Amino acid sequence: MQIQTSKQSVLDIFVLVLFICLLAGGVTYLEVVRPSIKDLDGLMNRLTAMQTPAPAAPPVQTKPKAAPASASVIKTASTNQTVHFRTAKDTSSQIIQDLAPGTTVQLRDDSDAKWQGVSYQGKQGYIFKEYLSY
């Protein structure tokens, strides 16, 4: 048996095969490749969350605690050798007491280039600065 084909029938077969391929490809895309609406919605939500920065927490402002008015800083120094604790800023002034090396004294604001005003055991006086370790 011999089959005769005409150009028209070949063209019809070609169009039919092409249609079937396109249809099969479209169905495959719709069923396998194409993401579902839920997947797209979830993806959009994740992308939006990544692009939208979370609101920053307001900065916590803390005020530094001030020292109580009654608390003052007491500055001290130590004698670095035996030293005369004197009544005035003068080597000829009266010696209140001789202080041993390592004696801690409280510093007063009264000082100059050579002498430091100090308090020791409730007494006020002066020590030559060279004999103090600050």
C-alpha atoms as a PDB file:
ATOM      1  CA  MET A   1       0.000   0.000   0.000  1.00  0.00           C
ATOM      2  CA  GLN A   2       1.362   3.313  -1.032  1.00  0.00           C
ATOM      3  CA  ILE A   3       0.537   6.547   0.730  1.00  0.00           C
ATOM      4  CA  GLN A   4       0.417   9.608  -1.294  1.00  0.00           C
ATOM      5  CA  THR A   5       1.040  12.811   0.506  1.00  0.00           C
ATOM      6  CA  SER A   6       0.367  16.194  -0.757  1.00  0.00           C
ATOM      7  CA  LYS A   7       1.939  19.398   0.294  1.00  0.00           C
ATOM      8  CA  GLN A   8      -1.280  20.388   1.975  1.00  0.00           C
ATOM      9  CA  SER A   9      -1.463  17.209   4.064  1.00  0.00           C
ATOM     10  CA  VAL A  10       2.189  17.562   5.110  1.00  0.00           C
ATOM     11  CA  LEU A  11       1.508  21.120   6.121  1.00  0.00           C
ATOM     12  CA  ASP A  12      -1.602  20.033   8.048  1.00  0.00           C
ATOM     13  CA  ILE A  13       0.402  17.351   9.901  1.00  0.00           C
ATOM     14  CA  PHE A  14       3.144  19.857  10.666  1.00  0.00           C
ATOM     15  CA  VAL A  15       0.649  22.357  12.046  1.00  0.00           C
ATOM     16  CA  LEU A  16      -1.035  19.625  14.094  1.00  0.00           C
ATOM     17  CA  VAL A  17       2.296  18.468  15.595  1.00  0.00           C
ATOM     18  CA  LEU A  18       3.290  22.072  16.304  1.00  0.00           C
ATOM     19  CA  PHE A  19      -0.046  22.713  17.986  1.00  0.00           C
ATOM     20  CA  ILE A  20       0.329  19.580  20.137  1.00  0.00           C
ATOM     21  CA  CYS A  21       3.871  20.614  21.150  1.00  0.00           C
ATOM     22  CA  LEU A  22       2.770  24.108  22.045  1.00  0.00           C
ATOM     23  CA  LEU A  23      -0.179  22.761  23.977  1.00  0.00           C
ATOM     24  CA  ALA A  24       1.994  20.253  25.820  1.00  0.00           C
ATOM     25  CA  GLY A  25       4.563  22.940  26.626  1.00  0.00           C
ATOM     26  CA  GLY A  26       1.889  25.310  27.893  1.00  0.00           C
ATOM     27  CA  VAL A  27       0.361  22.629  30.093  1.00  0.00           C
ATOM     28  CA  THR A  28       3.801  21.719  31.433  1.00  0.00           C
ATOM     29  CA  TYR A  29       4.494  25.355  32.227  1.00  0.00           C
ATOM     30  CA  LEU A  30       1.152  25.821  33.916  1.00  0.00           C
ATOM     31  CA  GLU A  31       1.453  22.658  35.979  1.00  0.00           C
ATOM     32  CA  VAL A  32       5.156  22.364  36.730  1.00  0.00           C
ATOM     33  CA  VAL A  33       7.109  25.532  36.129  1.00  0.00           C
ATOM     34  CA  ARG A  34       4.693  28.329  36.917  1.00  0.00           C
ATOM     35  CA  PRO A  35       4.660  29.202  40.623  1.00  0.00           C
ATOM     36  CA  SER A  36       1.357  29.334  42.382  1.00  0.00           C
ATOM     37  CA  ILE A  37      -0.269  32.563  43.494  1.00  0.00           C
ATOM     38  CA  LYS A  38       0.434  31.598  47.111  1.00  0.00           C
ATOM     39  CA  ASP A  39       4.134  31.186  46.338  1.00  0.00           C
ATOM     40  CA  LEU A  40       4.244  34.570  44.623  1.00  0.00           C
ATOM     41  CA  ASP A  41       2.382  36.217  47.484  1.00  0.00           C
ATOM     42  CA  GLY A  42       4.776  34.696  50.057  1.00  0.00           C
ATOM     43  CA  LEU A  43       7.759  35.788  47.977  1.00  0.00           C
ATOM     44  CA  MET A  44       6.423  39.335  47.739  1.00  0.00           C
ATOM     45  CA  ASN A  45       5.868  39.447  51.501  1.00  0.00           C
ATOM     46  CA  ARG A  46       9.453  38.308  52.152  1.00  0.00           C
ATOM     47  CA  LEU A  47      10.870  40.834  49.691  1.00  0.00           C
ATOM     48  CA  THR A  48       8.831  43.633  51.209  1.00  0.00           C
ATOM     49  CA  ALA A  49       9.961  42.664  54.705  1.00  0.00           C
ATOM     50  CA  MET A  50      13.602  42.687  53.572  1.00  0.00           C
ATOM     51  CA  GLN A  51      13.293  46.111  51.953  1.00  0.00           C
ATOM     52  CA  THR A  52      11.341  47.774  54.727  1.00  0.00           C
ATOM     53  CA  PRO A  53      13.611  48.406  57.684  1.00  0.00           C
ATOM     54  CA  ALA A  54      12.130  47.680  61.054  1.00  0.00           C
ATOM     55  CA  PRO A  55      11.420  50.841  63.003  1.00  0.00           C
ATOM     56  CA  ALA A  56      14.363  51.631  65.221  1.00  0.00           C
ATOM     57  CA  ALA A  57      13.779  51.606  68.924  1.00  0.00           C
ATOM     58  CA  PRO A  58      13.966  55.090  70.353  1.00  0.00           C
ATOM     59  CA  PRO A  59      17.336  55.722  71.982  1.00  0.00           C
ATOM     60  CA  VAL A  60      17.350  55.278  75.696  1.00  0.00           C
ATOM     61  CA  GLN A  61      18.474  58.475  77.280  1.00  0.00           C
ATOM     62  CA  THR A  62      20.048  58.166  80.637  1.00  0.00           C
ATOM     63  CA  LYS A  63      21.241  61.068  82.633  1.00  0.00           C
ATOM     64  CA  PRO A  64      24.600  60.611  84.301  1.00  0.00           C
ATOM     65  CA  LYS A  65      24.247  60.395  88.013  1.00  0.00           C
ATOM     66  CA  ALA A  66      25.692  63.454  89.616  1.00  0.00           C
ATOM     67  CA  ALA A  67      27.706  63.080  92.746  1.00  0.00           C
ATOM     68  CA  PRO A  68      25.773  64.173  95.804  1.00  0.00           C
ATOM     69  CA  ALA A  69      26.456  67.779  96.704  1.00  0.00           C
ATOM     70  CA  SER A  70      27.844  66.710 100.073  1.00  0.00           C
ATOM     71  CA  ALA A  71      30.371  64.317  98.495  1.00  0.00           C
ATOM     72  CA  SER A  72      33.518  66.119  97.437  1.00  0.00           C
ATOM     73  CA  VAL A  73      36.646  64.673  95.950  1.00  0.00           C
ATOM     74  CA  ILE A  74      39.488  64.656  98.418  1.00  0.00           C
ATOM     75  CA  LYS A  75      42.869  64.954  96.774  1.00  0.00           C
ATOM     76  CA  THR A  76      45.816  63.433  98.565  1.00  0.00           C
ATOM     77  CA  ALA A  77      49.560  63.088  98.241  1.00  0.00           C
ATOM     78  CA  SER A  78      52.239  61.153 100.133  1.00  0.00           C
ATOM     79  CA  THR A  79      55.481  62.395 101.573  1.00  0.00           C
ATOM     80  CA  ASN A  80      58.498  60.908  99.805  1.00  0.00           C
ATOM     81  CA  GLN A  81      60.918  61.513 102.708  1.00  0.00           C
ATOM     82  CA  THR A  82      60.867  62.951 106.207  1.00  0.00           C
ATOM     83  CA  VAL A  83      59.472  66.464 105.830  1.00  0.00           C
ATOM     84  CA  HIS A  84      58.640  69.480 107.996  1.00  0.00           C
ATOM     85  CA  PHE A  85      54.903  70.264 108.183  1.00  0.00           C
ATOM     86  CA  ARG A  86      54.970  74.060 108.641  1.00  0.00           C
ATOM     87  CA  THR A  87      52.546  76.840 109.649  1.00  0.00           C
ATOM     88  CA  ALA A  88      53.422  79.086 106.665  1.00  0.00           C
ATOM     89  CA  LYS A  89      55.002  78.990 103.193  1.00  0.00           C
ATOM     90  CA  ASP A  90      58.446  79.779 104.528  1.00  0.00           C
ATOM     91  CA  THR A  91      61.388  77.673 105.703  1.00  0.00           C
ATOM     92  CA  SER A  92      61.741  79.970 108.690  1.00  0.00           C
ATOM     93  CA  SER A  93      58.118  79.392 109.810  1.00  0.00           C
ATOM     94  CA  GLN A  94      57.217  77.236 112.799  1.00  0.00           C
ATOM     95  CA  ILE A  95      57.285  73.439 112.288  1.00  0.00           C
ATOM     96  CA  ILE A  96      53.963  71.884 113.323  1.00  0.00           C
ATOM     97  CA  GLN A  97      55.281  68.346 113.074  1.00  0.00           C
ATOM     98  CA  ASP A  98      57.817  66.232 111.160  1.00  0.00           C
ATOM     99  CA  LEU A  99      56.086  63.699 108.873  1.00  0.00           C
ATOM    100  CA  ALA A 100      57.643  60.324 108.049  1.00  0.00           C
ATOM    101  CA  PRO A 101      58.094  59.090 104.466  1.00  0.00           C
ATOM    102  CA  GLY A 102      54.829  57.640 103.048  1.00  0.00           C
ATOM    103  CA  THR A 103      52.562  59.811 105.223  1.00  0.00           C
ATOM    104  CA  THR A 104      49.337  60.628 103.342  1.00  0.00           C
ATOM    105  CA  VAL A 105      48.133  64.225 103.560  1.00  0.00           C
ATOM    106  CA  GLN A 106      45.023  65.906 102.171  1.00  0.00           C
ATOM    107  CA  LEU A 107      45.703  68.618  99.609  1.00  0.00           C
ATOM    108  CA  ARG A 108      44.112  72.040  99.884  1.00  0.00           C
ATOM    109  CA  ASP A 109      43.591  74.489  97.037  1.00  0.00           C
ATOM    110  CA  ASP A 110      46.169  76.808  98.647  1.00  0.00           C
ATOM    111  CA  SER A 111      49.423  76.261  96.739  1.00  0.00           C
ATOM    112  CA  ASP A 112      52.010  78.073  94.687  1.00  0.00           C
ATOM    113  CA  ALA A 113      55.042  77.070  92.621  1.00  0.00           C
ATOM    114  CA  LYS A 114      56.954  75.734  95.665  1.00  0.00           C
ATOM    115  CA  TRP A 115      54.518  75.137  98.544  1.00  0.00           C
ATOM    116  CA  GLN A 116      51.398  72.988  98.910  1.00  0.00           C
ATOM    117  CA  GLY A 117      48.721  73.703 101.483  1.00  0.00           C
ATOM    118  CA  VAL A 118      47.774  70.454 103.269  1.00  0.00           C
ATOM    119  CA  SER A 119      45.660  69.079 106.074  1.00  0.00           C
ATOM    120  CA  TYR A 120      46.971  66.375 108.389  1.00  0.00           C
ATOM    121  CA  GLN A 121      45.189  65.039 111.475  1.00  0.00           C
ATOM    122  CA  GLY A 122      42.942  68.107 111.612  1.00  0.00           C
ATOM    123  CA  LYS A 123      45.846  70.551 111.372  1.00  0.00           C
ATOM    124  CA  GLN A 124      46.379  73.006 108.492  1.00  0.00           C
ATOM    125  CA  GLY A 125      49.833  73.790 107.196  1.00  0.00           C
ATOM    126  CA  TYR A 126      52.305  73.701 104.299  1.00  0.00           C
ATOM    127  CA  ILE A 127      54.799  71.262 102.827  1.00  0.00           C
ATOM    128  CA  PHE A 128      57.463  71.998 100.258  1.00  0.00           C
ATOM    129  CA  LYS A 129      56.132  70.423  96.991  1.00  0.00           C
ATOM    130  CA  GLU A 130      59.416  68.704  96.212  1.00  0.00           C
ATOM    131  CA  TYR A 131      58.791  66.337  99.143  1.00  0.00           C
ATOM    132  CA  LEU A 132      55.323  65.215  97.960  1.00  0.00           C
ATOM    133  CA  SER A 133      54.378  62.415  95.547  1.00  0.00           C
ATOM    134  CA  TYR A 134      51.067  63.165  93.871  1.00  0.00           C
END
